[in-house]
Amino acid sequence: MEANTRWVALTAVAPVAWGTNYFVTHEFLPADRPLYGAALRALPAGLILLALCRQQPRGAWWRRSAVLGLLNVSVFFVLVYVASQLLPTSIASTVMAVSPLTMMLIAWPLVSERPRTAHLAGAAIGLAGVCLMLLTGVERVSVPGVLASAAAMLVSSFGHILAKRWSADADVLASTAWQLTAGGLFLLPVAATVEGPPPALSTPALLAFGYVTLVATALAFAAWFTGLRHLPAGTVGLIGLLNPVTGVLLGTAVAAEVLTVQQLCGLVLVLAGVVLGRPRRAGRRGSSQAPAVPISDESPAREPSAGNPR
């Protein structure tokens, strides 16, 4: 159980970092260059991780890196940017809060993780908490924005579970590096074609890109995919609800926003949903859960990780 607690704490780094990313991006990065913004976020992060792990893709991982990079980086980053431009943060975050439930449903056929009742209850309670925290008034709703946010949620949920299915035969740091590098390489020529020359960046923008690259991308994605390796997808999805919580608390601390009683109640509900999704003790799961689907025919059989109580 102590090992599970450590994996939960490490995984929580990702949504907390992503929660701060909203503020940094909105305040310091160019708003009219979404493709360059996504490419300059992904490619340097991937190259840094690649320099640390010093491993190249081999065999099926050339294809897998391209697919995961396209889903988890290229398409996802651009859709999130579009949604953030068309929707209030509250609406976009609420749509993304459906992600835990989506990840559970996708994980069932792809990695044979049947959703637990506690996970489903945690997802419902967490979504209610996010709505309570963020939907504080009548907001202008853009249908294209909602569609972009929903597409981002579906693409990332599928991509993350696909990474969980494929990554058991690869080092976590290496597979994360390959995804980010592939996603950045996909984006760069598209950005040059659509948006022209790279934007001129001020010193604050360069520092902001440094934070987004190192913390909100390299560190956050490595922590997130490590969590997916060792924890059930339902647990990881619920931990992701800390993203909007971080955004609300950061607004209170940095932007001097007032934390209302309604928001406090919503925060308590979100934390309750996360707690409900915590992993069970390994001895209590027994053998009722089906074993994970093999990674591929070319991969050797592996024992389940000690941190993943299947």
Protein backbone atom coordinates (compact mmCIF):
# COMPACT_ATOMS: atom_id res chain seq x y z
CA MET A 1 0.00 0.00 0.00
CA GLU A 2 2.91 2.34 0.72
CA ALA A 3 4.16 1.73 -2.83
CA ASN A 4 0.71 2.65 -4.21
CA THR A 5 0.73 5.85 -2.15
CA ARG A 6 4.06 6.82 -3.67
CA TRP A 7 2.77 6.17 -7.19
CA VAL A 8 -0.35 8.25 -6.46
CA ALA A 9 1.78 11.13 -5.15
CA LEU A 10 4.07 10.98 -8.20
CA THR A 11 1.13 10.85 -10.62
CA ALA A 12 -0.45 13.88 -8.92
CA VAL A 13 2.52 15.97 -10.08
CA ALA A 14 1.08 15.88 -13.62
CA PRO A 15 -2.39 17.43 -13.10
CA VAL A 16 -0.98 19.98 -10.66
CA ALA A 17 1.61 21.06 -13.25
CA TRP A 18 -1.07 21.14 -15.97
CA GLY A 19 -3.25 23.28 -13.71
CA THR A 20 -0.50 25.91 -13.47
CA ASN A 21 0.04 25.69 -17.22
CA TYR A 22 -3.29 27.44 -17.91
CA PHE A 23 -2.14 30.55 -16.05
CA VAL A 24 1.37 30.62 -17.55
CA THR A 25 0.11 30.10 -21.10
CA HIS A 26 -2.64 32.71 -20.79
CA GLU A 27 -0.41 35.34 -19.22
CA PHE A 28 2.92 35.00 -21.04
CA LEU A 29 2.70 33.00 -24.29
CA PRO A 30 1.56 34.33 -27.71
CA ALA A 31 -2.15 33.75 -28.13
CA ASP A 32 -2.19 33.76 -31.94
CA ARG A 33 0.31 30.95 -32.58
CA PRO A 34 -1.30 27.71 -31.35
CA LEU A 35 0.71 25.41 -33.64
CA TYR A 36 4.06 26.94 -32.74
CA GLY A 37 3.00 27.05 -29.10
CA ALA A 38 2.29 23.32 -29.14
CA ALA A 39 5.44 22.48 -31.12
CA LEU A 40 7.74 24.57 -28.91
CA ARG A 41 6.18 22.96 -25.87
CA ALA A 42 6.51 19.36 -27.06
CA LEU A 43 9.72 19.08 -29.09
CA PRO A 44 12.21 20.57 -26.58
CA ALA A 45 10.63 18.47 -23.79
CA GLY A 46 10.97 15.32 -25.88
CA LEU A 47 14.59 16.06 -26.78
CA ILE A 48 15.49 16.75 -23.14
CA LEU A 49 14.00 13.42 -22.03
CA LEU A 50 15.69 11.71 -24.98
CA ALA A 51 19.05 13.09 -23.87
CA LEU A 52 18.42 11.75 -20.37
CA CYS A 53 17.35 8.23 -21.33
CA ARG A 54 19.57 7.86 -24.45
CA GLN A 55 17.37 5.19 -25.98
CA GLN A 56 16.07 5.05 -29.54
CA PRO A 57 12.81 3.39 -30.51
CA ARG A 58 13.23 -0.14 -31.80
CA GLY A 59 10.93 -2.49 -33.68
CA ALA A 60 7.26 -1.70 -33.23
CA TRP A 61 8.07 1.40 -31.18
CA TRP A 62 8.78 3.47 -34.28
CA ARG A 63 5.13 3.02 -35.28
CA ARG A 64 3.81 3.26 -31.72
CA SER A 65 5.73 6.48 -31.03
CA ALA A 66 4.22 8.07 -34.12
CA VAL A 67 0.66 7.04 -33.20
CA LEU A 68 0.97 8.08 -29.54
CA GLY A 69 2.78 11.30 -30.43
CA LEU A 70 0.00 12.22 -32.84
CA LEU A 71 -2.77 11.48 -30.31
CA ASN A 72 -1.27 12.55 -26.98
CA VAL A 73 0.75 15.52 -28.22
CA SER A 74 0.02 16.91 -31.70
CA VAL A 75 -3.77 16.64 -31.87
CA PHE A 76 -4.36 17.01 -28.13
CA PHE A 77 -2.24 20.16 -27.65
CA VAL A 78 -3.88 21.93 -30.59
CA LEU A 79 -7.44 20.97 -29.55
CA VAL A 80 -6.81 22.17 -26.00
CA TYR A 81 -5.55 25.49 -27.33
CA VAL A 82 -8.60 25.94 -29.57
CA ALA A 83 -10.96 25.09 -26.70
CA SER A 84 -9.19 27.53 -24.37
CA GLN A 85 -9.63 30.31 -26.93
CA LEU A 86 -13.33 29.63 -27.59
CA LEU A 87 -14.55 28.70 -24.10
CA PRO A 88 -14.32 30.09 -20.59
CA THR A 89 -11.89 28.03 -18.53
CA SER A 90 -14.78 26.84 -16.37
CA ILE A 91 -16.64 25.24 -19.29
CA ALA A 92 -13.52 23.73 -20.85
CA SER A 93 -12.40 22.26 -17.52
CA THR A 94 -15.85 20.81 -16.86
CA VAL A 95 -15.88 19.04 -20.23
CA MET A 96 -12.39 17.66 -19.55
CA ALA A 97 -13.57 16.43 -16.12
CA VAL A 98 -15.48 13.66 -17.92
CA SER A 99 -12.06 12.17 -18.74
CA PRO A 100 -11.88 9.80 -15.71
CA LEU A 101 -15.07 8.02 -16.71
CA THR A 102 -13.98 7.90 -20.36
CA MET A 103 -10.60 6.43 -19.42
CA MET A 104 -12.28 3.73 -17.33
CA LEU A 105 -14.58 2.70 -20.18
CA ILE A 106 -11.74 2.64 -22.72
CA ALA A 107 -9.45 0.72 -20.34
CA TRP A 108 -12.00 -2.08 -19.97
CA PRO A 109 -11.63 -3.49 -23.52
CA LEU A 110 -8.05 -2.31 -24.17
CA VAL A 111 -6.23 -3.39 -20.98
CA SER A 112 -8.89 -5.58 -19.30
CA GLU A 113 -9.38 -3.26 -16.31
CA ARG A 114 -13.02 -3.56 -15.30
CA PRO A 115 -14.24 -0.31 -13.67
CA ARG A 116 -14.71 -0.68 -9.93
CA THR A 117 -17.85 0.69 -8.31
CA ALA A 118 -15.66 2.98 -6.21
CA HIS A 119 -14.01 4.36 -9.35
CA LEU A 120 -17.37 5.06 -11.00
CA ALA A 121 -18.69 6.70 -7.84
CA GLY A 122 -15.50 8.74 -7.54
CA ALA A 123 -15.83 9.93 -11.14
CA ALA A 124 -19.43 11.03 -10.56
CA ILE A 125 -18.62 12.81 -7.29
CA GLY A 126 -15.51 14.42 -8.78
CA LEU A 127 -17.43 15.69 -11.82
CA ALA A 128 -20.09 17.15 -9.52
CA GLY A 129 -17.34 18.85 -7.53
CA VAL A 130 -15.75 20.35 -10.66
CA CYS A 131 -19.15 21.68 -11.77
CA LEU A 132 -19.71 23.18 -8.32
CA MET A 133 -16.28 24.82 -8.33
CA LEU A 134 -16.33 26.22 -11.84
CA LEU A 135 -19.90 26.69 -13.05
CA THR A 136 -20.62 29.72 -10.91
CA GLY A 137 -22.75 31.68 -13.35
CA VAL A 138 -24.16 31.88 -16.86
CA GLU A 139 -21.29 31.68 -19.32
CA ARG A 140 -21.25 32.14 -23.06
CA VAL A 141 -21.00 28.68 -24.59
CA SER A 142 -19.44 28.18 -28.02
CA VAL A 143 -20.55 24.96 -29.70
CA PRO A 144 -17.26 24.63 -31.67
CA GLY A 145 -15.39 25.21 -28.42
CA VAL A 146 -17.34 22.47 -26.63
CA LEU A 147 -16.71 20.11 -29.55
CA ALA A 148 -12.98 20.91 -29.47
CA SER A 149 -12.82 20.32 -25.72
CA ALA A 150 -14.77 17.07 -25.99
CA ALA A 151 -12.53 15.91 -28.84
CA ALA A 152 -9.43 16.73 -26.78
CA MET A 153 -10.83 14.71 -23.88
CA LEU A 154 -11.61 11.69 -26.10
CA VAL A 155 -8.30 11.79 -27.98
CA SER A 156 -6.20 12.06 -24.81
CA SER A 157 -8.20 9.39 -22.96
CA PHE A 158 -7.77 6.92 -25.81
CA GLY A 159 -4.12 7.87 -26.29
CA HIS A 160 -3.29 7.46 -22.61
CA ILE A 161 -4.88 4.03 -22.37
CA LEU A 162 -3.18 2.99 -25.60
CA ALA A 163 0.14 4.09 -24.07
CA LYS A 164 -0.66 1.98 -21.00
CA ARG A 165 -1.36 -1.04 -23.21
CA TRP A 166 1.79 -0.65 -25.28
CA SER A 167 4.35 0.62 -22.79
CA ALA A 168 4.97 -2.40 -20.56
CA ASP A 169 7.90 -3.46 -22.75
CA ALA A 170 9.57 -0.02 -22.81
CA ASP A 171 11.20 2.30 -20.30
CA VAL A 172 8.70 4.95 -19.16
CA LEU A 173 11.10 7.86 -19.66
CA ALA A 174 12.08 6.61 -23.11
CA SER A 175 8.51 6.04 -24.33
CA THR A 176 7.50 9.49 -23.03
CA ALA A 177 10.47 11.06 -24.83
CA TRP A 178 9.58 9.31 -28.10
CA GLN A 179 5.95 10.47 -27.93
CA LEU A 180 6.83 14.11 -27.23
CA THR A 181 9.55 14.18 -29.88
CA ALA A 182 7.31 12.59 -32.52
CA GLY A 183 4.44 14.92 -31.67
CA GLY A 184 6.69 17.98 -31.87
CA LEU A 185 8.16 16.86 -35.20
CA PHE A 186 4.65 16.42 -36.62
CA LEU A 187 3.67 19.93 -35.51
CA LEU A 188 6.74 21.89 -36.59
CA PRO A 189 6.31 21.73 -40.41
CA VAL A 190 2.57 22.29 -40.07
CA ALA A 191 3.22 25.37 -37.93
CA ALA A 192 5.75 26.72 -40.44
CA THR A 193 3.29 26.21 -43.30
CA VAL A 194 0.21 27.63 -41.57
CA GLU A 195 1.65 30.29 -39.25
CA GLY A 196 4.79 31.36 -41.12
CA PRO A 197 8.05 32.22 -39.34
CA PRO A 198 8.38 31.47 -35.61
CA PRO A 199 7.15 34.26 -33.33
CA ALA A 200 9.61 36.67 -31.74
CA LEU A 201 9.66 35.92 -28.01
CA SER A 202 10.29 38.35 -25.18
CA THR A 203 12.29 37.35 -22.11
CA PRO A 204 9.15 36.61 -20.05
CA ALA A 205 7.82 34.45 -22.92
CA LEU A 206 11.11 32.53 -23.12
CA LEU A 207 11.04 31.91 -19.36
CA ALA A 208 7.41 30.83 -19.63
CA PHE A 209 8.26 28.39 -22.42
CA GLY A 210 11.06 27.07 -20.22
CA TYR A 211 8.57 26.37 -17.43
CA VAL A 212 6.00 24.86 -19.78
CA THR A 213 8.64 22.65 -21.43
CA LEU A 214 10.44 21.42 -18.30
CA VAL A 215 7.67 21.26 -15.70
CA ALA A 216 4.27 21.19 -17.42
CA THR A 217 5.40 18.86 -20.21
CA ALA A 218 8.60 16.84 -19.60
CA LEU A 219 8.12 16.29 -15.87
CA ALA A 220 4.32 16.13 -15.99
CA PHE A 221 4.07 13.60 -18.83
CA ALA A 222 6.80 11.40 -17.36
CA ALA A 223 4.93 11.36 -14.02
CA TRP A 224 1.57 10.72 -15.70
CA PHE A 225 2.77 7.78 -17.81
CA THR A 226 4.60 6.35 -14.80
CA GLY A 227 1.30 6.42 -12.93
CA LEU A 228 -0.46 4.69 -15.82
CA ARG A 229 2.22 1.98 -15.71
CA HIS A 230 1.74 1.21 -11.99
CA LEU A 231 -1.86 2.18 -11.15
CA PRO A 232 -5.31 1.28 -12.52
CA ALA A 233 -6.54 3.65 -15.22
CA GLY A 234 -9.55 4.60 -13.06
CA THR A 235 -7.27 5.77 -10.26
CA VAL A 236 -5.07 7.79 -12.63
CA GLY A 237 -8.09 9.39 -14.28
CA LEU A 238 -9.48 10.51 -10.92
CA ILE A 239 -6.10 11.96 -9.90
CA GLY A 240 -6.39 14.08 -13.04
CA LEU A 241 -9.26 15.97 -11.38
CA LEU A 242 -6.59 17.82 -9.38
CA ASN A 243 -6.04 19.87 -12.56
CA PRO A 244 -9.06 22.19 -12.16
CA VAL A 245 -8.51 22.24 -8.39
CA THR A 246 -5.02 23.62 -8.98
CA GLY A 247 -6.39 26.21 -11.38
CA VAL A 248 -8.90 27.47 -8.80
CA LEU A 249 -6.34 27.58 -5.97
CA LEU A 250 -3.77 29.30 -8.18
CA GLY A 251 -6.33 31.93 -9.13
CA THR A 252 -6.95 32.52 -5.43
CA ALA A 253 -3.25 32.73 -4.56
CA VAL A 254 -1.91 34.66 -7.56
CA ALA A 255 -4.82 36.57 -9.07
CA ALA A 256 -6.40 37.48 -5.69
CA GLU A 257 -9.64 35.74 -6.62
CA VAL A 258 -12.08 35.05 -3.80
CA LEU A 259 -12.65 31.37 -2.93
CA THR A 260 -16.40 31.07 -2.30
CA VAL A 261 -18.21 28.61 -0.06
CA GLN A 262 -19.61 26.93 -3.19
CA GLN A 263 -16.10 26.46 -4.57
CA LEU A 264 -14.88 25.08 -1.23
CA CYS A 265 -17.70 22.52 -1.25
CA GLY A 266 -16.80 21.58 -4.82
CA LEU A 267 -13.15 21.20 -3.86
CA VAL A 268 -14.11 18.84 -1.02
CA LEU A 269 -16.21 16.74 -3.44
CA VAL A 270 -13.34 16.51 -5.94
CA LEU A 271 -10.91 15.38 -3.24
CA ALA A 272 -13.48 12.84 -2.03
CA GLY A 273 -13.74 11.47 -5.57
CA VAL A 274 -9.95 11.15 -5.80
CA VAL A 275 -9.82 9.34 -2.43
CA LEU A 276 -12.54 6.92 -3.54
CA GLY A 277 -10.40 5.90 -6.50
CA ARG A 278 -7.31 5.03 -4.45
CA PRO A 279 -5.94 1.54 -5.14
CA ARG A 280 -7.05 -1.32 -2.92
CA ARG A 281 -4.62 -3.42 -0.96
CA ALA A 282 -3.16 -6.08 -3.22
CA GLY A 283 -4.43 -8.93 -1.09
CA ARG A 284 -8.04 -7.82 -1.34
CA ARG A 285 -8.29 -7.78 -5.10
CA GLY A 286 -7.83 -11.50 -5.37
CA SER A 287 -8.02 -13.03 -8.79
CA SER A 288 -11.35 -11.56 -9.88
CA GLN A 289 -9.67 -9.10 -12.24
CA ALA A 290 -8.75 -10.50 -15.63
CA PRO A 291 -5.07 -10.31 -16.56
CA ALA A 292 -3.94 -7.49 -18.80
CA VAL A 293 -4.11 -7.98 -22.55
CA PRO A 294 -0.67 -8.90 -23.92
CA ILE A 295 1.22 -5.96 -25.34
CA SER A 296 1.92 -7.60 -28.67
CA ASP A 297 2.85 -10.92 -30.13
CA GLU A 298 6.48 -9.82 -30.36
CA SER A 299 6.72 -8.84 -26.68
CA PRO A 300 7.73 -11.34 -23.98
CA ALA A 301 5.28 -12.18 -21.21
CA ARG A 302 5.71 -9.95 -18.18
CA GLU A 303 4.59 -10.21 -14.60
CA PRO A 304 2.23 -7.46 -13.43
CA SER A 305 3.99 -4.58 -11.71
CA ALA A 306 4.00 -4.73 -7.93
CA GLY A 307 2.44 -1.28 -7.90
CA ASN A 308 -0.49 -2.29 -10.10
CA PRO A 309 -2.88 -4.42 -8.02
CA ARG A 310 -4.65 -6.29 -10.81
